[in-house]
Structures are given as structure tokens and as C-alpha cells.
């Protein structure tokens, strides 16, 4: 039997079309190696090929075994955990909202919030079935298109609320938060780096340049917290690529340079906002750099710490009254604080612990991927969620006040949709971990070959 006939019969047994090409290439390499060995023993070409094919075993049996190995895997346990966290998070938001309304405050969970949650979960499952490796084939084009769309949205924004022009209004859909949409560039950025593998320091320079447009556009809105989250995610993705030896460079020197820039850049941005930023931005910087007792921007963190002062391990804290919730600005950003104060530290620890377990599990799975594109895209999404969770936790403990979004505990249509799209991408990477090929873009064929 010829090699082509053998491989055709074998790959026909594999139900996952995505895996067929990768399996075929791998087995063809084994056949060619064995064929070369037989040729060195004095066999003729045809005889050597047939002998090498026989060594591979029965094509149907081997194909069935390959089908068993290279089969998509659904992460049902993780999907169930995400669903449970989503439901519990929504219930916690409703409970804290009820406390605020009871005390004469305002409610924030509109009638569409539950709808956003349901649609988000369905969207997540849909994205799970999408072949994420296609992003790697057109990563640069997708990134450029995303930057152009973000530029248009930021520069032609329709609504400016509280000094931030981060909303556009679309027919039927309603308000869309621009800076949350920018977070979708994180996995695309990872795919751009994937396309630059094997290059030298120029690739690292280009990697830095690719970071700038989305971060600058989010800063221009201005949304400092989202810009920092985006920049940190980009930097970690680049550091992982360097550590995994994707580029022909000195790892130690490059990682040291990345660390230095990561320290210097926030200082430069902080200096800019200190001298040229809006008044509320300067107030927040003064809070960070000075004694909170001397800074007006420290009012909210002081309120949060006072609110949590009498918290117990379980149950409502001593002296906690619903009226205190109404005094905290943007109370919808402090759901975890409300959980600690009214239901106990243990309840908050359990929820946060389960959420961090999920995110760290995704990070571990991503870093263990054989497909290098999936490895970096998954790691980038996981890091993004971990950065968001860290900022949210610090804010809800009264350490900082920056305005954050947290998976499962924050409301809003755009943030919810973006969260579940990225979770769906992580599930897709898990699903196709044994089948996803290392795709390469087809080379362009010259019209005038020499």
C-alpha cells in the first residue's frame, strides 16, 4: 500500500476534521523516516515505501486509535463551575441591591441584567465550539481592524458621562462601553506575537508597538484602570513569549528590560496625570501617594474600611446598618464589601476562592498546551481576569479606589458579554487541546516567478 492511500484510509477514521492534517503530517514524517532507513539498507524506492507503511499497522485500527486520542474534550466541570459562579454572583448583587434600596438608596440592576447573564452564558458555549486557531492566521489584520474600530468609537463617541467618553449608543443594543471592548484585543495580541516567532530583537520592538494603540485609546477616554489592566496583560504575554524562547534574543536581558519598562511606564503616566490630568484623577493620585487622611480622594476607601470594621467570620458584622451602604459612592462596585459586612468574611472567602481556583486552573491548562498559539492566548485571557480580580479585591478591602470590573460580581451588558466571550475562548482552547494544529499562513505565490 502506498503512503498516500494508507494515510487517506487512516485519517478517514478521525471524526475531528481539525486533527486530520496534524495527524497526517506526523505519521507521514514517521513513514518518511522509516523509508529512509530501508533505503539505506539497499531497498528500492517503492519497496522501501511499502515496507515503511506496513510498519505503521492496519490503517483502520490505527485511525480509530488516533480518533480516540485526537478528539475534542468538553470541560463540563468548568462550564458547570462558571454557571454556578454566575448565578451566585447575580444573587449576591441582588441581595446587596435590596439592602441599599431598603435603606432608601437606588437600585442598579436593570431588567436586562439577568438577560445579559443568560445570553452571555449561551455566547460562551457558542465560542467554545469556534476554532480559535483561525485567529492566528489573520492576527495582524484583526488587531489593525480592532484598533481602527476603537479609534472611531473613541473619537466619534456619542456620550460623555462623568467626564469619560467611554460610551457609544447603538440602535436596539443601547449603551456599549468602549474600554471593555478593548479587552478583546488581549488574545489577538497573543496571536500577533505567535506570528512573530523565530525573529530577533526587531520582533520585540514590534511587539511593544502593537501594545500602544489600544492602551493609548483607552487612556484617551480616559479610563486609567482599564488601560493599566490592558497594559499589564500585554506585558505578561510578551514576557511569557520571551521566556518560552519564541525569539532569537537574550532571555535574561530582555526580561530585565521588560521589568524595567513595567516600573518606569506607570511613573511616567502618573507624572502626566499629576500635572495635566483631570481634577478627579489628580485627587486619586494624591490619595495613593499621601496619607489618606489628608486627601479628599481617600474618602471612599476610608468609608469601606469603616464599613468592614466590625465584620465577623459569619453573619452580619457588629454595628453594620443598611444606611452605611447608601453613603458609599458607586456602591455597585463594592458587592464583595457588602457580602463581607452582611454575610461574613467566610462567605466572601469561599466565593473569591472558587473564582480564583477557576482562573488559576485556566492559567495552568493554558501554560500546559502543546499548541503554542493556544498556550499564549489562554495565558493572556487568564492573566487579564486575574488582574481584574486583584484590583477588585483591593478596592473592596478599602486599599485603593480606582473603579474596577470583576467577573461574576460586576454588572453591565458590555462587560458581561466580553467576560463570557473570553471565557468561551478559554474553553475552546481546552476543548481542542488534543486536536488544534499549529496553523501556518499559506505563502503568497508570485505572479511573475523567475
Protein backbone atom coordinates (compact mmCIF):
# COMPACT_ATOMS: atom_id res chain seq x y z
CA UNK A 1 0.00 0.00 0.00
CA UNK A 2 1.27 3.46 -0.90
CA UNK A 3 1.73 6.10 1.78
CA UNK A 4 -0.96 8.42 0.39
CA UNK A 5 -3.55 5.63 0.23
CA UNK A 6 -2.66 4.47 3.74
CA UNK A 7 -2.93 7.98 5.20
CA UNK A 8 -6.22 8.63 3.40
CA UNK A 9 -7.76 5.48 4.88
CA UNK A 10 -6.36 6.26 8.32
CA UNK A 11 -7.47 9.91 8.50
CA UNK A 12 -10.96 8.97 7.29
CA UNK A 13 -11.41 7.27 10.68
CA UNK A 14 -10.77 10.55 12.54
CA UNK A 15 -14.01 12.43 13.09
CA UNK A 16 -12.44 15.73 14.12
CA UNK A 17 -11.53 17.46 10.85
CA UNK A 18 -9.23 19.86 12.69
CA UNK A 19 -6.97 16.98 13.79
CA UNK A 20 -6.68 15.19 10.46
CA UNK A 21 -4.00 17.39 8.92
CA UNK A 22 -1.81 17.35 12.02
CA UNK A 23 -2.09 13.53 12.36
CA UNK A 24 -1.39 13.06 8.66
CA UNK A 25 1.75 15.23 8.80
CA UNK A 26 3.03 13.46 11.90
CA UNK A 27 2.51 9.95 10.50
CA UNK A 28 3.92 10.92 7.10
CA UNK A 29 7.10 12.08 8.85
CA UNK A 30 7.37 8.67 10.57
CA UNK A 31 6.85 6.87 7.25
CA UNK A 32 9.49 9.01 5.55
CA UNK A 33 11.98 8.34 8.36
CA UNK A 34 11.39 4.59 8.16
CA UNK A 35 11.55 4.70 4.37
CA UNK A 36 14.93 6.44 4.55
CA UNK A 37 16.19 3.72 6.89
CA UNK A 38 15.09 0.98 4.47
CA UNK A 39 16.68 2.80 1.53
CA UNK A 40 19.97 2.86 3.42
CA UNK A 41 19.70 -0.94 3.70
CA UNK A 42 19.57 -1.22 -0.09
CA UNK A 43 15.83 -1.41 -0.82
CA UNK A 44 14.28 0.20 -3.89
CA UNK A 45 12.06 3.29 -3.53
CA UNK A 46 8.72 1.52 -3.98
CA UNK A 47 9.72 -1.46 -1.85
CA UNK A 48 11.00 0.79 0.93
CA UNK A 49 7.79 2.83 0.98
CA UNK A 50 5.55 -0.24 1.16
CA UNK A 51 7.68 -1.71 3.97
CA UNK A 52 7.52 1.56 5.91
CA UNK A 53 3.74 1.66 5.54
CA UNK A 54 3.40 -1.93 6.78
CA UNK A 55 5.32 -0.93 9.90
CA UNK A 56 2.55 1.53 10.76
CA UNK A 57 -0.04 -1.26 11.24
CA UNK A 58 -3.59 -1.57 9.99
CA UNK A 59 -4.85 1.88 8.84
CA UNK A 60 -8.37 1.38 10.18
CA UNK A 61 -7.26 0.22 13.63
CA UNK A 62 -4.59 2.92 13.85
CA UNK A 63 -7.10 5.52 12.65
CA UNK A 64 -9.62 4.50 15.32
CA UNK A 65 -6.91 4.83 17.97
CA UNK A 66 -5.98 8.29 16.63
CA UNK A 67 -9.68 9.22 16.70
CA UNK A 68 -9.86 8.28 20.36
CA UNK A 69 -6.78 10.36 21.20
CA UNK A 70 -7.45 13.36 18.96
CA UNK A 71 -11.00 14.11 20.00
CA UNK A 72 -12.34 17.43 21.30
CA UNK A 73 -12.88 17.46 25.07
CA UNK A 74 -15.68 19.45 26.63
CA UNK A 75 -14.83 20.96 30.00
CA UNK A 76 -18.23 20.20 31.51
CA UNK A 77 -16.94 20.61 35.04
CA UNK A 78 -15.58 24.08 34.32
CA UNK A 79 -18.74 25.08 32.46
CA UNK A 80 -20.78 23.99 35.49
CA UNK A 81 -18.46 25.96 37.80
CA UNK A 82 -18.73 29.09 35.64
CA UNK A 83 -22.52 28.75 35.59
CA UNK A 84 -22.63 28.33 39.36
CA UNK A 85 -20.37 31.37 39.93
CA UNK A 86 -22.52 33.39 37.53
CA UNK A 87 -25.74 32.52 39.34
CA UNK A 88 -24.30 33.04 42.82
CA UNK A 89 -22.70 36.32 41.73
CA UNK A 90 -26.01 37.58 40.38
CA UNK A 91 -27.84 36.55 43.56
CA UNK A 92 -25.24 38.35 45.70
CA UNK A 93 -25.68 41.51 43.63
CA UNK A 94 -29.46 41.30 44.07
CA UNK A 95 -29.13 40.80 47.83
CA UNK A 96 -26.82 43.81 48.29
CA UNK A 97 -29.00 45.90 45.99
CA UNK A 98 -32.03 45.01 48.15
CA UNK A 99 -30.14 46.22 51.26
CA UNK A 100 -29.38 49.53 49.54
CA UNK A 101 -32.96 50.03 48.31
CA UNK A 102 -34.29 49.15 51.78
CA UNK A 103 -32.18 51.95 53.22
CA UNK A 104 -33.51 54.47 50.70
CA UNK A 105 -30.75 54.16 48.13
CA UNK A 106 -31.03 53.43 44.43
CA UNK A 107 -31.11 50.14 42.57
CA UNK A 108 -28.78 49.48 39.66
CA UNK A 109 -29.65 46.05 38.32
CA UNK A 110 -32.00 46.72 35.46
CA UNK A 111 -34.48 44.29 33.98
CA UNK A 112 -31.98 43.29 31.29
CA UNK A 113 -29.20 42.27 33.69
CA UNK A 114 -30.44 38.68 34.00
CA UNK A 115 -30.95 38.57 30.23
CA UNK A 116 -27.33 39.67 29.72
CA UNK A 117 -26.22 36.87 32.02
CA UNK A 118 -28.18 34.20 30.16
CA UNK A 119 -27.09 35.47 26.74
CA UNK A 120 -23.52 35.64 27.99
CA UNK A 121 -23.53 32.00 29.07
CA UNK A 122 -25.01 30.93 25.74
CA UNK A 123 -22.44 33.04 23.89
CA UNK A 124 -19.68 31.41 25.94
CA UNK A 125 -20.79 27.92 24.91
CA UNK A 126 -21.02 29.04 21.28
CA UNK A 127 -17.49 30.48 21.31
CA UNK A 128 -16.28 27.22 22.88
CA UNK A 129 -17.04 25.44 19.60
CA UNK A 130 -15.17 28.00 17.47
CA UNK A 131 -11.77 27.06 16.04
CA UNK A 132 -9.59 29.61 17.85
CA UNK A 133 -6.53 28.79 15.68
CA UNK A 134 -8.09 30.77 12.83
CA UNK A 135 -7.26 33.93 14.78
CA UNK A 136 -3.56 33.12 14.47
CA UNK A 137 -3.76 33.09 10.67
CA UNK A 138 -5.05 36.68 10.45
CA UNK A 139 -3.90 38.11 13.79
CA UNK A 140 -2.31 41.30 12.47
CA UNK A 141 -5.28 42.13 10.27
CA UNK A 142 -7.69 41.52 13.16
CA UNK A 143 -5.59 43.69 15.50
CA UNK A 144 -5.45 46.55 12.98
CA UNK A 145 -9.21 46.32 12.42
CA UNK A 146 -9.80 46.37 16.19
CA UNK A 147 -7.57 49.44 16.61
CA UNK A 148 -9.37 51.26 13.78
CA UNK A 149 -12.80 50.46 15.26
CA UNK A 150 -11.68 51.55 18.73
CA UNK A 151 -10.26 54.76 17.28
CA UNK A 152 -13.52 55.51 15.54
CA UNK A 153 -15.55 54.74 18.66
CA UNK A 154 -13.35 56.89 20.90
CA UNK A 155 -13.02 59.86 18.55
CA UNK A 156 -16.65 59.80 17.39
CA UNK A 157 -18.18 58.86 20.73
CA UNK A 158 -21.78 59.85 21.25
CA UNK A 159 -21.94 60.05 25.06
CA UNK A 160 -19.69 61.54 27.72
CA UNK A 161 -20.66 60.56 31.26
CA UNK A 162 -18.82 61.84 34.37
CA UNK A 163 -16.04 63.22 32.18
CA UNK A 164 -15.35 59.88 30.49
CA UNK A 165 -16.31 59.38 26.87
CA UNK A 166 -16.37 55.62 27.03
CA UNK A 167 -19.93 55.03 25.82
CA UNK A 168 -21.43 54.80 22.39
CA UNK A 169 -25.11 54.29 21.69
CA UNK A 170 -26.14 51.67 19.14
CA UNK A 171 -29.66 51.07 17.83
CA UNK A 172 -31.56 48.31 19.69
CA UNK A 173 -28.43 47.36 21.72
CA UNK A 174 -28.19 50.64 23.65
CA UNK A 175 -25.09 51.79 25.55
CA UNK A 176 -21.83 50.00 24.74
CA UNK A 177 -18.78 50.55 26.95
CA UNK A 178 -15.77 51.15 24.69
CA UNK A 179 -12.98 50.38 27.15
CA UNK A 180 -14.42 46.94 27.93
CA UNK A 181 -14.42 46.15 24.20
CA UNK A 182 -10.70 46.97 24.15
CA UNK A 183 -10.07 43.98 26.43
CA UNK A 184 -10.88 41.68 23.49
CA UNK A 185 -7.54 42.70 21.96
CA UNK A 186 -5.66 40.68 24.62
CA UNK A 187 -5.96 37.24 22.90
CA UNK A 188 -5.46 38.90 19.49
CA UNK A 189 -2.20 40.44 20.74
CA UNK A 190 -1.05 36.97 21.79
CA UNK A 191 -1.81 35.74 18.26
CA UNK A 192 0.25 38.63 16.81
CA UNK A 193 3.26 37.52 18.86
CA UNK A 194 2.68 33.96 17.63
CA UNK A 195 3.10 35.25 14.07
CA UNK A 196 6.47 36.81 15.02
CA UNK A 197 8.10 33.63 16.35
CA UNK A 198 11.68 32.95 15.35
CA UNK A 199 12.57 36.62 14.84
CA UNK A 200 15.09 38.73 16.74
CA UNK A 201 15.00 41.96 18.73
CA UNK A 202 13.05 43.68 15.97
CA UNK A 203 10.12 41.40 16.80
CA UNK A 204 10.25 42.52 20.44
CA UNK A 205 10.24 46.15 19.32
CA UNK A 206 7.24 45.48 17.08
CA UNK A 207 5.54 43.67 19.98
CA UNK A 208 5.83 46.83 22.08
CA UNK A 209 4.46 48.97 19.23
CA UNK A 210 1.44 46.67 18.87
CA UNK A 211 0.59 47.38 22.54
CA UNK A 212 0.43 51.14 22.15
CA UNK A 213 -2.75 51.85 20.10
CA UNK A 214 -5.33 50.09 22.30
CA UNK A 215 -3.71 51.28 25.54
CA UNK A 216 -3.42 54.86 24.28
CA UNK A 217 -7.02 54.88 23.07
CA UNK A 218 -8.31 53.67 26.44
CA UNK A 219 -6.18 56.31 28.20
CA UNK A 220 -7.62 58.92 25.87
CA UNK A 221 -11.21 58.14 27.01
CA UNK A 222 -9.84 58.37 29.83
CA UNK A 223 -10.11 55.02 31.66
CA UNK A 224 -6.87 54.60 33.57
CA UNK A 225 -7.79 51.35 35.34
CA UNK A 226 -8.72 49.56 32.11
CA UNK A 227 -5.59 50.91 30.42
CA UNK A 228 -3.40 49.57 33.23
CA UNK A 229 -5.19 46.20 33.12
CA UNK A 230 -4.70 46.04 29.35
CA UNK A 231 -1.03 47.08 29.53
CA UNK A 232 -0.22 44.58 32.29
CA UNK A 233 -1.85 41.78 30.31
CA UNK A 234 0.14 42.70 27.20
CA UNK A 235 3.41 42.84 29.16
CA UNK A 236 2.83 39.44 30.79
CA UNK A 237 2.00 37.92 27.39
CA UNK A 238 5.24 39.30 25.93
CA UNK A 239 7.23 38.08 28.95
CA UNK A 240 5.81 34.55 28.56
CA UNK A 241 6.69 34.54 24.85
CA UNK A 242 10.24 35.64 25.66
CA UNK A 243 10.56 33.06 28.44
CA UNK A 244 9.36 30.30 26.12
CA UNK A 245 12.17 31.25 23.68
CA UNK A 246 9.92 32.38 20.84
CA UNK A 247 12.50 34.95 19.72
CA UNK A 248 16.20 34.81 18.88
CA UNK A 249 17.25 37.08 21.74
CA UNK A 250 18.83 37.03 25.18
CA UNK A 251 16.08 35.99 27.57
CA UNK A 252 17.64 37.48 30.70
CA UNK A 253 18.41 40.88 29.18
CA UNK A 254 15.02 41.15 27.50
CA UNK A 255 13.07 40.13 30.61
CA UNK A 256 15.10 42.61 32.66
CA UNK A 257 14.23 45.32 30.13
CA UNK A 258 10.54 44.40 30.24
CA UNK A 259 10.61 44.61 34.04
CA UNK A 260 12.33 48.00 33.94
CA UNK A 261 9.80 49.42 31.47
CA UNK A 262 6.95 47.99 33.56
CA UNK A 263 8.23 50.01 36.53
CA UNK A 264 9.09 53.19 34.60
CA UNK A 265 5.92 53.43 32.49
CA UNK A 266 3.48 53.80 35.45
CA UNK A 267 5.71 56.52 36.89
CA UNK A 268 5.65 58.40 33.58
CA UNK A 269 1.86 58.02 33.23
CA UNK A 270 1.38 59.06 36.86
CA UNK A 271 3.53 62.16 36.31
CA UNK A 272 1.42 63.07 33.28
CA UNK A 273 -1.84 62.82 35.20
CA UNK A 274 -0.31 64.61 38.22
CA UNK A 275 0.45 67.69 36.11
CA UNK A 276 -2.05 67.50 33.23
CA UNK A 277 -4.84 65.16 34.32
CA UNK A 278 -8.39 65.98 35.30
CA UNK A 279 -9.01 67.14 38.86
CA UNK A 280 -10.54 63.81 39.98
CA UNK A 281 -7.53 61.94 38.55
CA UNK A 282 -5.12 64.19 40.45
CA UNK A 283 -7.17 63.63 43.61
CA UNK A 284 -6.85 59.86 43.24
CA UNK A 285 -3.10 60.13 42.72
CA UNK A 286 -2.81 62.27 45.84
CA UNK A 287 -4.64 59.58 47.77
CA UNK A 288 -2.24 56.91 46.53
CA UNK A 289 0.89 58.97 47.26
CA UNK A 290 -0.15 60.69 50.51
CA UNK A 291 -1.79 59.91 53.83
CA UNK A 292 -5.44 59.17 53.00
CA UNK A 293 -6.49 61.36 55.94
CA UNK A 294 -5.03 64.37 54.07
CA UNK A 295 -6.56 63.57 50.68
CA UNK A 296 -10.16 64.02 49.57
CA UNK A 297 -9.78 61.03 47.24
CA UNK A 298 -9.31 58.81 50.30
CA UNK A 299 -12.92 59.28 51.36
CA UNK A 300 -14.28 56.14 49.69
CA UNK A 301 -11.53 53.73 50.92
CA UNK A 302 -11.94 55.15 54.43
CA UNK A 303 -15.69 54.55 54.20
CA UNK A 304 -15.11 50.96 53.04
CA UNK A 305 -12.68 50.24 55.87
CA UNK A 306 -15.09 51.74 58.37
CA UNK A 307 -17.92 49.71 56.85
CA UNK A 308 -15.91 46.49 57.23
CA UNK A 309 -14.52 47.30 60.68
CA UNK A 310 -16.97 45.18 62.64
CA UNK A 311 -17.14 42.26 60.24
CA UNK A 312 -17.48 38.73 61.61
CA UNK A 313 -16.41 35.38 60.25
CA UNK A 314 -20.06 34.51 59.61
CA UNK A 315 -23.18 36.66 59.65
CA UNK A 316 -23.64 40.43 59.79
CA UNK A 317 -20.96 42.50 61.44
CA UNK A 318 -21.42 44.49 64.63
CA UNK A 319 -22.79 47.95 64.02
CA UNK A 320 -23.45 47.33 60.32
CA UNK A 321 -26.58 49.06 59.09
CA UNK A 322 -28.01 49.34 55.57
CA UNK A 323 -27.79 53.14 55.81
CA UNK A 324 -24.00 52.93 55.65
CA UNK A 325 -24.23 51.35 52.21
CA UNK A 326 -26.08 54.33 50.79
CA UNK A 327 -23.23 56.65 51.79
CA UNK A 328 -20.70 54.85 49.60
CA UNK A 329 -20.45 56.30 46.07
CA UNK A 330 -20.87 53.76 43.24
CA UNK A 331 -21.87 51.09 45.72
CA UNK A 332 -22.43 48.69 42.80
CA UNK A 333 -18.62 48.38 42.61
CA UNK A 334 -18.44 47.12 46.21
CA UNK A 335 -20.55 43.97 46.18
CA UNK A 336 -17.81 41.97 47.88
CA UNK A 337 -17.63 44.59 50.67
CA UNK A 338 -21.37 44.16 51.19
CA UNK A 339 -21.00 40.37 51.31
CA UNK A 340 -18.29 40.65 53.97
CA UNK A 341 -20.31 43.09 56.08
CA UNK A 342 -23.70 41.35 55.87
CA UNK A 343 -22.91 37.68 55.35
CA UNK A 344 -19.48 37.29 56.88
CA UNK A 345 -15.84 37.01 55.89
CA UNK A 346 -16.18 33.28 55.26
CA UNK A 347 -18.84 33.76 52.56
CA UNK A 348 -16.61 36.22 50.71
CA UNK A 349 -13.55 33.99 51.07
CA UNK A 350 -15.41 30.97 49.67
CA UNK A 351 -16.69 32.89 46.64
CA UNK A 352 -13.34 34.54 45.89
CA UNK A 353 -11.51 31.26 46.50
CA UNK A 354 -13.69 29.38 43.99
CA UNK A 355 -13.30 32.17 41.43
CA UNK A 356 -9.51 32.25 41.82
CA UNK A 357 -9.40 28.45 41.60
CA UNK A 358 -11.22 28.65 38.26
CA UNK A 359 -8.91 31.35 36.90
CA UNK A 360 -5.72 29.64 38.11
CA UNK A 361 -6.98 26.37 36.63
CA UNK A 362 -7.43 28.08 33.27
CA UNK A 363 -3.92 29.55 33.54
CA UNK A 364 -2.38 26.17 34.36
CA UNK A 365 -4.21 24.45 31.49
CA UNK A 366 -3.17 27.21 29.09
CA UNK A 367 0.51 27.09 30.03
CA UNK A 368 0.45 23.30 29.54
CA UNK A 369 -0.92 23.48 25.97
CA UNK A 370 1.05 21.76 23.21
CA UNK A 371 -0.36 24.24 20.72
CA UNK A 372 1.73 27.36 21.27
CA UNK A 373 -0.96 29.73 19.99
CA UNK A 374 -3.48 28.31 22.45
CA UNK A 375 -0.89 28.46 25.21
CA UNK A 376 -0.29 32.20 24.84
CA UNK A 377 -3.88 33.21 24.07
CA UNK A 378 -5.18 31.24 27.05
CA UNK A 379 -2.49 32.59 29.37
CA UNK A 380 -3.29 36.14 28.26
CA UNK A 381 -7.02 35.77 28.95
CA UNK A 382 -6.32 34.16 32.34
CA UNK A 383 -3.90 36.92 33.34
CA UNK A 384 -6.44 39.56 32.30
CA UNK A 385 -9.07 38.04 34.59
CA UNK A 386 -6.58 37.68 37.45
CA UNK A 387 -5.55 41.34 37.17
CA UNK A 388 -9.21 42.41 37.19
CA UNK A 389 -9.90 40.21 40.22
CA UNK A 390 -6.85 41.56 42.09
CA UNK A 391 -7.85 45.21 41.53
CA UNK A 392 -11.44 44.46 42.55
CA UNK A 393 -10.33 42.71 45.73
CA UNK A 394 -8.02 45.60 46.72
CA UNK A 395 -10.80 48.11 46.09
CA UNK A 396 -13.36 46.16 48.10
CA UNK A 397 -10.97 45.91 51.04
CA UNK A 398 -10.52 49.70 51.11
CA UNK A 399 -6.92 49.68 49.87
CA UNK A 400 -7.46 51.59 46.60
CA UNK A 401 -10.28 53.36 44.80
CA UNK A 402 -9.90 53.17 41.03
CA UNK A 403 -13.18 51.85 39.58
CA UNK A 404 -12.93 48.22 38.51
CA UNK A 405 -14.80 45.40 36.80
CA UNK A 406 -14.75 41.87 38.15
CA UNK A 407 -16.03 38.67 36.51
CA UNK A 408 -19.25 37.41 38.15
CA UNK A 409 -19.54 40.34 40.59
CA UNK A 410 -19.89 43.37 38.32
CA UNK A 411 -22.93 44.31 36.27
CA UNK A 412 -23.22 45.85 32.80
CA UNK A 413 -24.02 44.44 29.38
CA UNK A 414 -20.71 45.11 27.60
CA UNK A 415 -18.53 43.89 30.45
CA UNK A 416 -20.67 40.76 30.82
CA UNK A 417 -20.52 39.92 27.09
CA UNK A 418 -16.75 40.49 26.92
CA UNK A 419 -16.23 38.33 30.01
CA UNK A 420 -18.14 35.39 28.57
CA UNK A 421 -16.53 35.71 25.14
CA UNK A 422 -13.10 35.42 26.75
CA UNK A 423 -14.29 32.53 28.94
CA UNK A 424 -15.61 30.83 25.80
CA UNK A 425 -12.20 31.27 24.18
CA UNK A 426 -10.54 29.64 27.19
CA UNK A 427 -12.99 26.74 26.94
CA UNK A 428 -12.25 26.46 23.21
CA UNK A 429 -8.53 26.20 23.95
CA UNK A 430 -9.29 23.44 26.46
CA UNK A 431 -11.67 21.69 24.06
CA UNK A 432 -9.18 21.50 21.21
CA UNK A 433 -6.02 20.87 23.23
CA UNK A 434 -5.53 17.44 21.61
CA UNK A 435 -6.63 18.44 18.12
CA UNK A 436 -5.63 22.03 17.33
CA UNK A 437 -2.92 22.16 14.64
CA UNK A 438 -0.07 24.67 14.52
CA UNK A 439 -1.52 26.61 11.61
CA UNK A 440 0.71 28.49 9.21
CA UNK A 441 -0.43 31.10 6.79
CA UNK A 442 -0.11 29.98 3.19
CA UNK A 443 2.76 31.81 1.43
CA UNK A 444 1.87 34.20 -1.33
CA UNK A 445 2.57 32.93 -4.84
CA UNK A 446 4.44 35.37 -7.03
CA UNK A 447 2.65 36.38 -10.20
CA UNK A 448 5.95 36.67 -12.06
CA UNK A 449 8.14 33.78 -10.94
CA UNK A 450 11.74 33.96 -12.01
